[in-house]
All heavy atoms as atom14 arrays in JSON, in Angstrom:
{
  "sequence": "QNGIEQAKKLEIEFIEDEVVALGYFENFEVETINSKYKAKAVILA",
  "atom14_mask": [
    [1, 1, 1, 1, 1, 1, 1, 1, 1, 0, 0, 0, 0, 0],
    [1, 1, 1, 1, 1, 1, 1, 1, 0, 0, 0, 0, 0, 0],
    [1, 1, 1, 1, 0, 0, 0, 0, 0, 0, 0, 0, 0, 0],
    [1, 1, 1, 1, 1, 1, 1, 1, 0, 0, 0, 0, 0, 0],
    [1, 1, 1, 1, 1, 1, 1, 1, 1, 0, 0, 0, 0, 0],
    [1, 1, 1, 1, 1, 1, 1, 1, 1, 0, 0, 0, 0, 0],
    [1, 1, 1, 1, 1, 0, 0, 0, 0, 0, 0, 0, 0, 0],
    [1, 1, 1, 1, 1, 1, 1, 1, 1, 0, 0, 0, 0, 0],
    [1, 1, 1, 1, 1, 1, 1, 1, 1, 0, 0, 0, 0, 0],
    [1, 1, 1, 1, 1, 1, 1, 1, 0, 0, 0, 0, 0, 0],
    [1, 1, 1, 1, 1, 1, 1, 1, 1, 0, 0, 0, 0, 0],
    [1, 1, 1, 1, 1, 1, 1, 1, 0, 0, 0, 0, 0, 0],
    [1, 1, 1, 1, 1, 1, 1, 1, 1, 0, 0, 0, 0, 0],
    [1, 1, 1, 1, 1, 1, 1, 1, 1, 1, 1, 0, 0, 0],
    [1, 1, 1, 1, 1, 1, 1, 1, 0, 0, 0, 0, 0, 0],
    [1, 1, 1, 1, 1, 1, 1, 1, 1, 0, 0, 0, 0, 0],
    [1, 1, 1, 1, 1, 1, 1, 1, 0, 0, 0, 0, 0, 0],
    [1, 1, 1, 1, 1, 1, 1, 1, 1, 0, 0, 0, 0, 0],
    [1, 1, 1, 1, 1, 1, 1, 0, 0, 0, 0, 0, 0, 0],
    [1, 1, 1, 1, 1, 1, 1, 0, 0, 0, 0, 0, 0, 0],
    [1, 1, 1, 1, 1, 0, 0, 0, 0, 0, 0, 0, 0, 0],
    [1, 1, 1, 1, 1, 1, 1, 1, 0, 0, 0, 0, 0, 0],
    [1, 1, 1, 1, 0, 0, 0, 0, 0, 0, 0, 0, 0, 0],
    [1, 1, 1, 1, 1, 1, 1, 1, 1, 1, 1, 1, 0, 0],
    [1, 1, 1, 1, 1, 1, 1, 1, 1, 1, 1, 0, 0, 0],
    [1, 1, 1, 1, 1, 1, 1, 1, 1, 0, 0, 0, 0, 0],
    [1, 1, 1, 1, 1, 1, 1, 1, 0, 0, 0, 0, 0, 0],
    [1, 1, 1, 1, 1, 1, 1, 1, 1, 1, 1, 0, 0, 0],
    [1, 1, 1, 1, 1, 1, 1, 1, 1, 0, 0, 0, 0, 0],
    [1, 1, 1, 1, 1, 1, 1, 0, 0, 0, 0, 0, 0, 0],
    [1, 1, 1, 1, 1, 1, 1, 1, 1, 0, 0, 0, 0, 0],
    [1, 1, 1, 1, 1, 1, 1, 0, 0, 0, 0, 0, 0, 0],
    [1, 1, 1, 1, 1, 1, 1, 1, 0, 0, 0, 0, 0, 0],
    [1, 1, 1, 1, 1, 1, 1, 1, 0, 0, 0, 0, 0, 0],
    [1, 1, 1, 1, 1, 1, 0, 0, 0, 0, 0, 0, 0, 0],
    [1, 1, 1, 1, 1, 1, 1, 1, 1, 0, 0, 0, 0, 0],
    [1, 1, 1, 1, 1, 1, 1, 1, 1, 1, 1, 1, 0, 0],
    [1, 1, 1, 1, 1, 1, 1, 1, 1, 0, 0, 0, 0, 0],
    [1, 1, 1, 1, 1, 0, 0, 0, 0, 0, 0, 0, 0, 0],
    [1, 1, 1, 1, 1, 1, 1, 1, 1, 0, 0, 0, 0, 0],
    [1, 1, 1, 1, 1, 0, 0, 0, 0, 0, 0, 0, 0, 0],
    [1, 1, 1, 1, 1, 1, 1, 0, 0, 0, 0, 0, 0, 0],
    [1, 1, 1, 1, 1, 1, 1, 1, 0, 0, 0, 0, 0, 0],
    [1, 1, 1, 1, 1, 1, 1, 1, 0, 0, 0, 0, 0, 0],
    [1, 1, 1, 1, 1, 0, 0, 0, 0, 0, 0, 0, 0, 0]
  ],
  "atom14_positions": [
    [[213.73, 2.84, 53.29], [212.74, 2.52, 54.32], [213.39, 2.19, 55.65], [212.87, 2.54, 56.71], [211.87, 1.34, 53.85], [210.92, 1.7, 52.72], [209.93, 2.79, 53.11], [209.53, 2.9, 54.26], [209.54, 3.58, 52.13], [0.0, 0.0, 0.0], [0.0, 0.0, 0.0], [0.0, 0.0, 0.0], [0.0, 0.0, 0.0], [0.0, 0.0, 0.0]],
    [[214.54, 1.52, 55.63], [215.25, 1.21, 56.88], [215.63, 2.49, 57.61], [215.53, 2.58, 58.84], [216.52, 0.41, 56.57], [216.22, -1.03, 56.21], [215.09, -1.49, 56.33], [217.23, -1.75, 55.75], [0.0, 0.0, 0.0], [0.0, 0.0, 0.0], [0.0, 0.0, 0.0], [0.0, 0.0, 0.0], [0.0, 0.0, 0.0], [0.0, 0.0, 0.0]],
    [[216.08, 3.49, 56.84], [216.45, 4.76, 57.45], [215.26, 5.46, 58.07], [215.35, 6.01, 59.19], [0.0, 0.0, 0.0], [0.0, 0.0, 0.0], [0.0, 0.0, 0.0], [0.0, 0.0, 0.0], [0.0, 0.0, 0.0], [0.0, 0.0, 0.0], [0.0, 0.0, 0.0], [0.0, 0.0, 0.0], [0.0, 0.0, 0.0], [0.0, 0.0, 0.0]],
    [[214.13, 5.45, 57.36], [212.92, 6.09, 57.88], [212.47, 5.41, 59.17], [212.12, 6.07, 60.16], [211.79, 6.02, 56.83], [212.18, 6.78, 55.56], [210.49, 6.57, 57.41], [212.35, 8.26, 55.73], [0.0, 0.0, 0.0], [0.0, 0.0, 0.0], [0.0, 0.0, 0.0], [0.0, 0.0, 0.0], [0.0, 0.0, 0.0], [0.0, 0.0, 0.0]],
    [[212.47, 4.09, 59.17], [212.05, 3.35, 60.37], [212.95, 3.63, 61.55], [212.49, 3.77, 62.69], [212.02, 1.85, 60.07], [210.92, 1.44, 59.09], [210.98, -0.04, 58.74], [211.71, -0.77, 59.44], [210.31, -0.45, 57.78], [0.0, 0.0, 0.0], [0.0, 0.0, 0.0], [0.0, 0.0, 0.0], [0.0, 0.0, 0.0], [0.0, 0.0, 0.0]],
    [[214.26, 3.71, 61.29], [215.2, 4.0, 62.37], [214.92, 5.37, 62.98], [214.93, 5.54, 64.2], [216.63, 3.95, 61.84], [217.69, 4.15, 62.91], [219.1, 4.07, 62.35], [219.29, 3.88, 61.15], [220.09, 4.18, 63.21], [0.0, 0.0, 0.0], [0.0, 0.0, 0.0], [0.0, 0.0, 0.0], [0.0, 0.0, 0.0], [0.0, 0.0, 0.0]],
    [[214.65, 6.34, 62.13], [214.38, 7.69, 62.61], [213.06, 7.76, 63.38], [212.97, 8.43, 64.42], [214.37, 8.67, 61.44], [0.0, 0.0, 0.0], [0.0, 0.0, 0.0], [0.0, 0.0, 0.0], [0.0, 0.0, 0.0], [0.0, 0.0, 0.0], [0.0, 0.0, 0.0], [0.0, 0.0, 0.0], [0.0, 0.0, 0.0], [0.0, 0.0, 0.0]],
    [[212.06, 7.05, 62.88], [210.75, 7.09, 63.54], [210.79, 6.42, 64.91], [210.02, 6.77, 65.8], [209.69, 6.44, 62.65], [209.3, 7.33, 61.47], [208.16, 6.74, 60.66], [207.7, 7.72, 59.59], [206.58, 7.18, 58.78], [0.0, 0.0, 0.0], [0.0, 0.0, 0.0], [0.0, 0.0, 0.0], [0.0, 0.0, 0.0], [0.0, 0.0, 0.0]],
    [[211.68, 5.44, 65.08], [211.83, 4.81, 66.41], [212.34, 5.8, 67.44], [212.12, 5.62, 68.64], [212.76, 3.6, 66.31], [212.11, 2.38, 65.67], [213.05, 1.19, 65.67], [212.36, -0.03, 65.05], [213.26, -1.22, 65.03], [0.0, 0.0, 0.0], [0.0, 0.0, 0.0], [0.0, 0.0, 0.0], [0.0, 0.0, 0.0], [0.0, 0.0, 0.0]],
    [[213.03, 6.84, 66.98], [213.48, 7.9, 67.88], [212.46, 9.03, 67.98], [212.74, 10.07, 68.55], [214.83, 8.47, 67.39], [216.04, 7.55, 67.52], [217.28, 8.26, 66.99], [216.25, 7.12, 68.96], [0.0, 0.0, 0.0], [0.0, 0.0, 0.0], [0.0, 0.0, 0.0], [0.0, 0.0, 0.0], [0.0, 0.0, 0.0], [0.0, 0.0, 0.0]],
    [[211.28, 8.77, 67.4], [210.17, 9.72, 67.41], [210.5, 11.03, 66.7], [210.07, 12.11, 67.1], [209.72, 9.99, 68.86], [209.24, 8.73, 69.55], [208.73, 9.0, 70.97], [208.97, 10.11, 71.48], [208.1, 8.11, 71.54], [0.0, 0.0, 0.0], [0.0, 0.0, 0.0], [0.0, 0.0, 0.0], [0.0, 0.0, 0.0], [0.0, 0.0, 0.0]],
    [[211.27, 10.91, 65.63], [211.53, 12.06, 64.76], [210.28, 12.29, 63.9], [209.72, 11.36, 63.34], [212.77, 11.82, 63.88], [214.02, 11.78, 64.78], [212.91, 12.89, 62.81], [215.28, 11.35, 64.05], [0.0, 0.0, 0.0], [0.0, 0.0, 0.0], [0.0, 0.0, 0.0], [0.0, 0.0, 0.0], [0.0, 0.0, 0.0], [0.0, 0.0, 0.0]],
    [[209.87, 13.54, 63.8], [208.65, 13.89, 63.09], [208.92, 13.99, 61.58], [209.91, 14.59, 61.15], [208.1, 15.21, 63.62], [206.74, 15.58, 63.05], [206.19, 16.86, 63.66], [206.76, 17.33, 64.66], [205.19, 17.38, 63.13], [0.0, 0.0, 0.0], [0.0, 0.0, 0.0], [0.0, 0.0, 0.0], [0.0, 0.0, 0.0], [0.0, 0.0, 0.0]],
    [[208.01, 13.41, 60.78], [208.12, 13.44, 59.33], [206.88, 14.09, 58.72], [205.77, 13.86, 59.18], [208.26, 12.02, 58.76], [209.64, 11.45, 58.88], [210.07, 10.89, 60.07], [210.51, 11.48, 57.81], [211.34, 10.36, 60.19], [211.79, 10.95, 57.91], [212.21, 10.39, 59.1], [0.0, 0.0, 0.0], [0.0, 0.0, 0.0], [0.0, 0.0, 0.0]],
    [[207.1, 14.85, 57.66], [205.99, 15.41, 56.88], [206.32, 15.2, 55.41], [207.43, 15.53, 54.96], [205.78, 16.9, 57.17], [205.24, 17.1, 58.59], [204.84, 17.54, 56.14], [205.1, 18.53, 59.0], [0.0, 0.0, 0.0], [0.0, 0.0, 0.0], [0.0, 0.0, 0.0], [0.0, 0.0, 0.0], [0.0, 0.0, 0.0], [0.0, 0.0, 0.0]],
    [[205.38, 14.65, 54.66], [205.57, 14.48, 53.21], [204.95, 15.67, 52.5], [203.72, 15.84, 52.47], [204.94, 13.17, 52.72], [205.31, 12.85, 51.28], [204.99, 11.41, 50.9], [205.11, 10.54, 51.77], [204.62, 11.2, 49.73], [0.0, 0.0, 0.0], [0.0, 0.0, 0.0], [0.0, 0.0, 0.0], [0.0, 0.0, 0.0], [0.0, 0.0, 0.0]],
    [[205.79, 16.52, 51.99], [205.35, 17.76, 51.34], [206.51, 18.29, 50.5], [207.63, 17.78, 50.59], [204.92, 18.78, 52.4], [203.91, 19.79, 51.86], [203.8, 19.92, 50.62], [203.25, 20.47, 52.68], [0.0, 0.0, 0.0], [0.0, 0.0, 0.0], [0.0, 0.0, 0.0], [0.0, 0.0, 0.0], [0.0, 0.0, 0.0], [0.0, 0.0, 0.0]],
    [[206.25, 19.3, 49.71], [207.29, 19.89, 48.86], [207.63, 21.29, 49.33], [206.73, 22.14, 49.46], [206.85, 19.93, 47.4], [207.91, 20.49, 46.47], [207.49, 20.45, 45.02], [206.38, 19.95, 44.74], [208.27, 20.9, 44.17], [0.0, 0.0, 0.0], [0.0, 0.0, 0.0], [0.0, 0.0, 0.0], [0.0, 0.0, 0.0], [0.0, 0.0, 0.0]],
    [[208.89, 21.54, 49.61], [209.34, 22.86, 50.05], [209.43, 23.77, 48.82], [210.05, 23.44, 47.82], [210.71, 22.78, 50.75], [211.23, 24.19, 51.06], [210.59, 21.96, 52.02], [0.0, 0.0, 0.0], [0.0, 0.0, 0.0], [0.0, 0.0, 0.0], [0.0, 0.0, 0.0], [0.0, 0.0, 0.0], [0.0, 0.0, 0.0], [0.0, 0.0, 0.0]],
    [[208.8, 24.96, 48.93], [208.78, 25.9, 47.81], [209.5, 27.21, 48.11], [209.82, 27.97, 47.19], [207.33, 26.2, 47.37], [206.67, 24.94, 46.83], [206.5, 26.77, 48.53], [0.0, 0.0, 0.0], [0.0, 0.0, 0.0], [0.0, 0.0, 0.0], [0.0, 0.0, 0.0], [0.0, 0.0, 0.0], [0.0, 0.0, 0.0], [0.0, 0.0, 0.0]],
    [[209.76, 27.49, 49.4], [210.44, 28.74, 49.74], [211.09, 28.64, 51.11], [210.66, 27.86, 51.98], [209.46, 29.91, 49.73], [0.0, 0.0, 0.0], [0.0, 0.0, 0.0], [0.0, 0.0, 0.0], [0.0, 0.0, 0.0], [0.0, 0.0, 0.0], [0.0, 0.0, 0.0], [0.0, 0.0, 0.0], [0.0, 0.0, 0.0], [0.0, 0.0, 0.0]],
    [[212.16, 29.42, 51.29], [212.88, 29.46, 52.57], [213.2, 30.91, 52.89], [213.79, 31.62, 52.07], [214.17, 28.64, 52.48], [215.08, 28.64, 53.71], [214.38, 28.0, 54.9], [216.39, 27.91, 53.41], [0.0, 0.0, 0.0], [0.0, 0.0, 0.0], [0.0, 0.0, 0.0], [0.0, 0.0, 0.0], [0.0, 0.0, 0.0], [0.0, 0.0, 0.0]],
    [[212.79, 31.36, 54.06], [213.05, 32.74, 54.46], [213.58, 32.82, 55.87], [213.64, 31.81, 56.6], [0.0, 0.0, 0.0], [0.0, 0.0, 0.0], [0.0, 0.0, 0.0], [0.0, 0.0, 0.0], [0.0, 0.0, 0.0], [0.0, 0.0, 0.0], [0.0, 0.0, 0.0], [0.0, 0.0, 0.0], [0.0, 0.0, 0.0], [0.0, 0.0, 0.0]],
    [[213.99, 34.01, 56.27], [214.52, 34.19, 57.63], [213.94, 35.47, 58.22], [214.17, 36.57, 57.71], [216.04, 34.28, 57.6], [216.65, 34.33, 58.99], [216.85, 33.16, 59.72], [216.98, 35.55, 59.59], [217.38, 33.2, 61.0], [217.52, 35.6, 60.86], [217.71, 34.42, 61.56], [218.24, 34.47, 62.83], [0.0, 0.0, 0.0], [0.0, 0.0, 0.0]],
    [[213.17, 35.31, 59.29], [212.58, 36.43, 60.03], [212.74, 36.13, 61.52], [211.86, 35.55, 62.14], [211.12, 36.61, 59.66], [210.86, 36.68, 58.18], [210.46, 35.54, 57.49], [211.05, 37.85, 57.48], [210.23, 35.58, 56.13], [210.82, 37.91, 56.11], [210.41, 36.77, 55.44], [0.0, 0.0, 0.0], [0.0, 0.0, 0.0], [0.0, 0.0, 0.0]],
    [[213.88, 36.48, 62.07], [214.28, 36.12, 63.45], [214.6, 34.63, 63.55], [215.55, 34.24, 64.2], [213.21, 36.51, 64.46], [212.99, 38.01, 64.57], [212.02, 38.37, 65.66], [211.41, 37.45, 66.26], [211.86, 39.58, 65.92], [0.0, 0.0, 0.0], [0.0, 0.0, 0.0], [0.0, 0.0, 0.0], [0.0, 0.0, 0.0], [0.0, 0.0, 0.0]],
    [[213.77, 33.81, 62.92], [214.05, 32.38, 62.78], [213.8, 31.99, 61.31], [213.24, 32.77, 60.54], [213.15, 31.55, 63.69], [213.49, 31.74, 65.16], [214.53, 31.3, 65.62], [212.61, 32.43, 65.88], [0.0, 0.0, 0.0], [0.0, 0.0, 0.0], [0.0, 0.0, 0.0], [0.0, 0.0, 0.0], [0.0, 0.0, 0.0], [0.0, 0.0, 0.0]],
    [[214.25, 30.8, 60.94], [214.0, 30.33, 59.58], [212.53, 29.97, 59.41], [211.91, 29.41, 60.32], [214.86, 29.11, 59.26], [216.31, 29.43, 59.04], [217.23, 29.25, 60.06], [216.75, 29.92, 57.82], [218.56, 29.55, 59.87], [218.08, 30.23, 57.61], [218.99, 30.04, 58.65], [0.0, 0.0, 0.0], [0.0, 0.0, 0.0], [0.0, 0.0, 0.0]],
    [[212.0, 30.29, 58.26], [210.63, 29.91, 57.91], [210.66, 29.08, 56.64], [211.13, 29.55, 55.6], [209.75, 31.14, 57.71], [208.28, 30.77, 57.45], [207.39, 31.99, 57.37], [206.88, 32.41, 58.43], [207.23, 32.52, 56.25], [0.0, 0.0, 0.0], [0.0, 0.0, 0.0], [0.0, 0.0, 0.0], [0.0, 0.0, 0.0], [0.0, 0.0, 0.0]],
    [[210.21, 27.85, 56.74], [210.19, 26.93, 55.61], [208.75, 26.83, 55.12], [207.86, 26.4, 55.85], [210.71, 25.53, 56.01], [210.66, 24.59, 54.81], [212.13, 25.62, 56.56], [0.0, 0.0, 0.0], [0.0, 0.0, 0.0], [0.0, 0.0, 0.0], [0.0, 0.0, 0.0], [0.0, 0.0, 0.0], [0.0, 0.0, 0.0], [0.0, 0.0, 0.0]],
    [[208.54, 27.23, 53.87], [207.2, 27.19, 53.3], [207.08, 26.0, 52.36], [207.92, 25.77, 51.5], [206.92, 28.47, 52.52], [205.52, 28.52, 51.93], [205.23, 29.81, 51.18], [206.08, 30.73, 51.24], [204.17, 29.88, 50.52], [0.0, 0.0, 0.0], [0.0, 0.0, 0.0], [0.0, 0.0, 0.0], [0.0, 0.0, 0.0], [0.0, 0.0, 0.0]],
    [[206.03, 25.23, 52.56], [205.74, 24.1, 51.67], [204.46, 24.4, 50.89], [203.85, 25.45, 51.06], [205.56, 22.8, 52.47], [204.35, 22.9, 53.25], [206.74, 22.55, 53.4], [0.0, 0.0, 0.0], [0.0, 0.0, 0.0], [0.0, 0.0, 0.0], [0.0, 0.0, 0.0], [0.0, 0.0, 0.0], [0.0, 0.0, 0.0], [0.0, 0.0, 0.0]],
    [[204.08, 23.47, 50.05], [202.84, 23.66, 49.28], [201.65, 23.8, 50.2], [200.72, 24.57, 49.93], [202.64, 22.48, 48.3], [203.72, 22.5, 47.21], [201.26, 22.51, 47.67], [203.67, 21.34, 46.26], [0.0, 0.0, 0.0], [0.0, 0.0, 0.0], [0.0, 0.0, 0.0], [0.0, 0.0, 0.0], [0.0, 0.0, 0.0], [0.0, 0.0, 0.0]],
    [[201.66, 23.09, 51.34], [200.48, 23.03, 52.19], [200.57, 23.82, 53.49], [199.54, 24.05, 54.14], [200.18, 21.56, 52.54], [199.86, 20.74, 51.31], [198.95, 21.06, 50.56], [200.63, 19.68, 51.09], [0.0, 0.0, 0.0], [0.0, 0.0, 0.0], [0.0, 0.0, 0.0], [0.0, 0.0, 0.0], [0.0, 0.0, 0.0], [0.0, 0.0, 0.0]],
    [[201.78, 24.24, 53.89], [201.89, 24.89, 55.2], [203.2, 25.66, 55.32], [203.98, 25.76, 54.36], [201.8, 23.84, 56.31], [201.64, 24.45, 57.56], [0.0, 0.0, 0.0], [0.0, 0.0, 0.0], [0.0, 0.0, 0.0], [0.0, 0.0, 0.0], [0.0, 0.0, 0.0], [0.0, 0.0, 0.0], [0.0, 0.0, 0.0], [0.0, 0.0, 0.0]],
    [[203.45, 26.21, 56.54], [204.71, 26.9, 56.85], [205.22, 26.4, 58.2], [204.43, 26.11, 59.1], [204.5, 28.42, 56.92], [204.13, 29.05, 55.58], [203.97, 30.57, 55.73], [203.62, 31.22, 54.41], [203.45, 32.7, 54.55], [0.0, 0.0, 0.0], [0.0, 0.0, 0.0], [0.0, 0.0, 0.0], [0.0, 0.0, 0.0], [0.0, 0.0, 0.0]],
    [[206.55, 26.3, 58.34], [207.16, 25.8, 59.57], [208.34, 26.68, 59.94], [209.02, 27.23, 59.07], [207.64, 24.35, 59.36], [206.55, 23.43, 58.85], [206.37, 23.23, 57.48], [205.71, 22.77, 59.73], [205.37, 22.4, 57.0], [204.7, 21.93, 59.26], [204.54, 21.76, 57.89], [203.54, 20.95, 57.44], [0.0, 0.0, 0.0], [0.0, 0.0, 0.0]],
    [[208.58, 26.81, 61.24], [209.68, 27.66, 61.72], [210.72, 26.82, 62.45], [210.39, 25.84, 63.13], [209.13, 28.75, 62.63], [208.26, 29.78, 61.91], [207.82, 30.89, 62.86], [207.01, 31.95, 62.11], [206.59, 33.05, 63.0], [0.0, 0.0, 0.0], [0.0, 0.0, 0.0], [0.0, 0.0, 0.0], [0.0, 0.0, 0.0], [0.0, 0.0, 0.0]],
    [[211.98, 27.24, 62.33], [213.07, 26.52, 63.0], [214.23, 27.46, 63.26], [214.4, 28.48, 62.58], [213.53, 25.35, 62.13], [0.0, 0.0, 0.0], [0.0, 0.0, 0.0], [0.0, 0.0, 0.0], [0.0, 0.0, 0.0], [0.0, 0.0, 0.0], [0.0, 0.0, 0.0], [0.0, 0.0, 0.0], [0.0, 0.0, 0.0], [0.0, 0.0, 0.0]],
    [[215.03, 27.07, 64.24], [216.24, 27.84, 64.54], [217.32, 27.58, 63.5], [218.19, 28.41, 63.27], [216.75, 27.46, 65.93], [215.77, 27.78, 67.06], [216.3, 27.28, 68.4], [215.29, 27.5, 69.51], [215.77, 26.93, 70.81], [0.0, 0.0, 0.0], [0.0, 0.0, 0.0], [0.0, 0.0, 0.0], [0.0, 0.0, 0.0], [0.0, 0.0, 0.0]],
    [[217.28, 26.39, 62.89], [218.27, 26.03, 61.87], [217.6, 25.15, 60.82], [216.62, 24.44, 61.1], [219.45, 25.29, 62.49], [0.0, 0.0, 0.0], [0.0, 0.0, 0.0], [0.0, 0.0, 0.0], [0.0, 0.0, 0.0], [0.0, 0.0, 0.0], [0.0, 0.0, 0.0], [0.0, 0.0, 0.0], [0.0, 0.0, 0.0], [0.0, 0.0, 0.0]],
    [[218.15, 25.19, 59.6], [217.63, 24.37, 58.5], [218.81, 23.65, 57.84], [219.85, 24.26, 57.57], [216.89, 25.22, 57.46], [216.51, 24.37, 56.24], [215.64, 25.84, 58.06], [0.0, 0.0, 0.0], [0.0, 0.0, 0.0], [0.0, 0.0, 0.0], [0.0, 0.0, 0.0], [0.0, 0.0, 0.0], [0.0, 0.0, 0.0], [0.0, 0.0, 0.0]],
    [[218.62, 22.35, 57.58], [219.62, 21.57, 56.85], [219.0, 21.13, 55.53], [217.94, 20.5, 55.51], [220.06, 20.33, 57.65], [220.75, 20.75, 58.96], [221.0, 19.46, 56.82], [221.11, 19.59, 59.87], [0.0, 0.0, 0.0], [0.0, 0.0, 0.0], [0.0, 0.0, 0.0], [0.0, 0.0, 0.0], [0.0, 0.0, 0.0], [0.0, 0.0, 0.0]],
    [[219.65, 21.5, 54.42], [219.18, 21.09, 53.1], [219.91, 19.83, 52.67], [221.12, 19.84, 52.47], [219.41, 22.21, 52.08], [218.71, 23.54, 52.37], [219.06, 24.56, 51.3], [217.19, 23.35, 52.45], [0.0, 0.0, 0.0], [0.0, 0.0, 0.0], [0.0, 0.0, 0.0], [0.0, 0.0, 0.0], [0.0, 0.0, 0.0], [0.0, 0.0, 0.0]],
    [[219.18, 18.74, 52.57], [219.76, 17.44, 52.18], [218.91, 16.85, 51.07], [218.43, 15.72, 51.14], [219.81, 16.5, 53.39], [0.0, 0.0, 0.0], [0.0, 0.0, 0.0], [0.0, 0.0, 0.0], [0.0, 0.0, 0.0], [0.0, 0.0, 0.0], [0.0, 0.0, 0.0], [0.0, 0.0, 0.0], [0.0, 0.0, 0.0], [0.0, 0.0, 0.0]]
  ]
}
């Protein structure tokens, strides 16, 4: 929780969801159970 609070103070965006697929079409596309998101880079942690 301390880590989450520290990140949110920097206005880092959080979404609680489960990632089910990762693809690359010019940019990375991260698919979750509820939606899809695009990014220039993805870090798996």
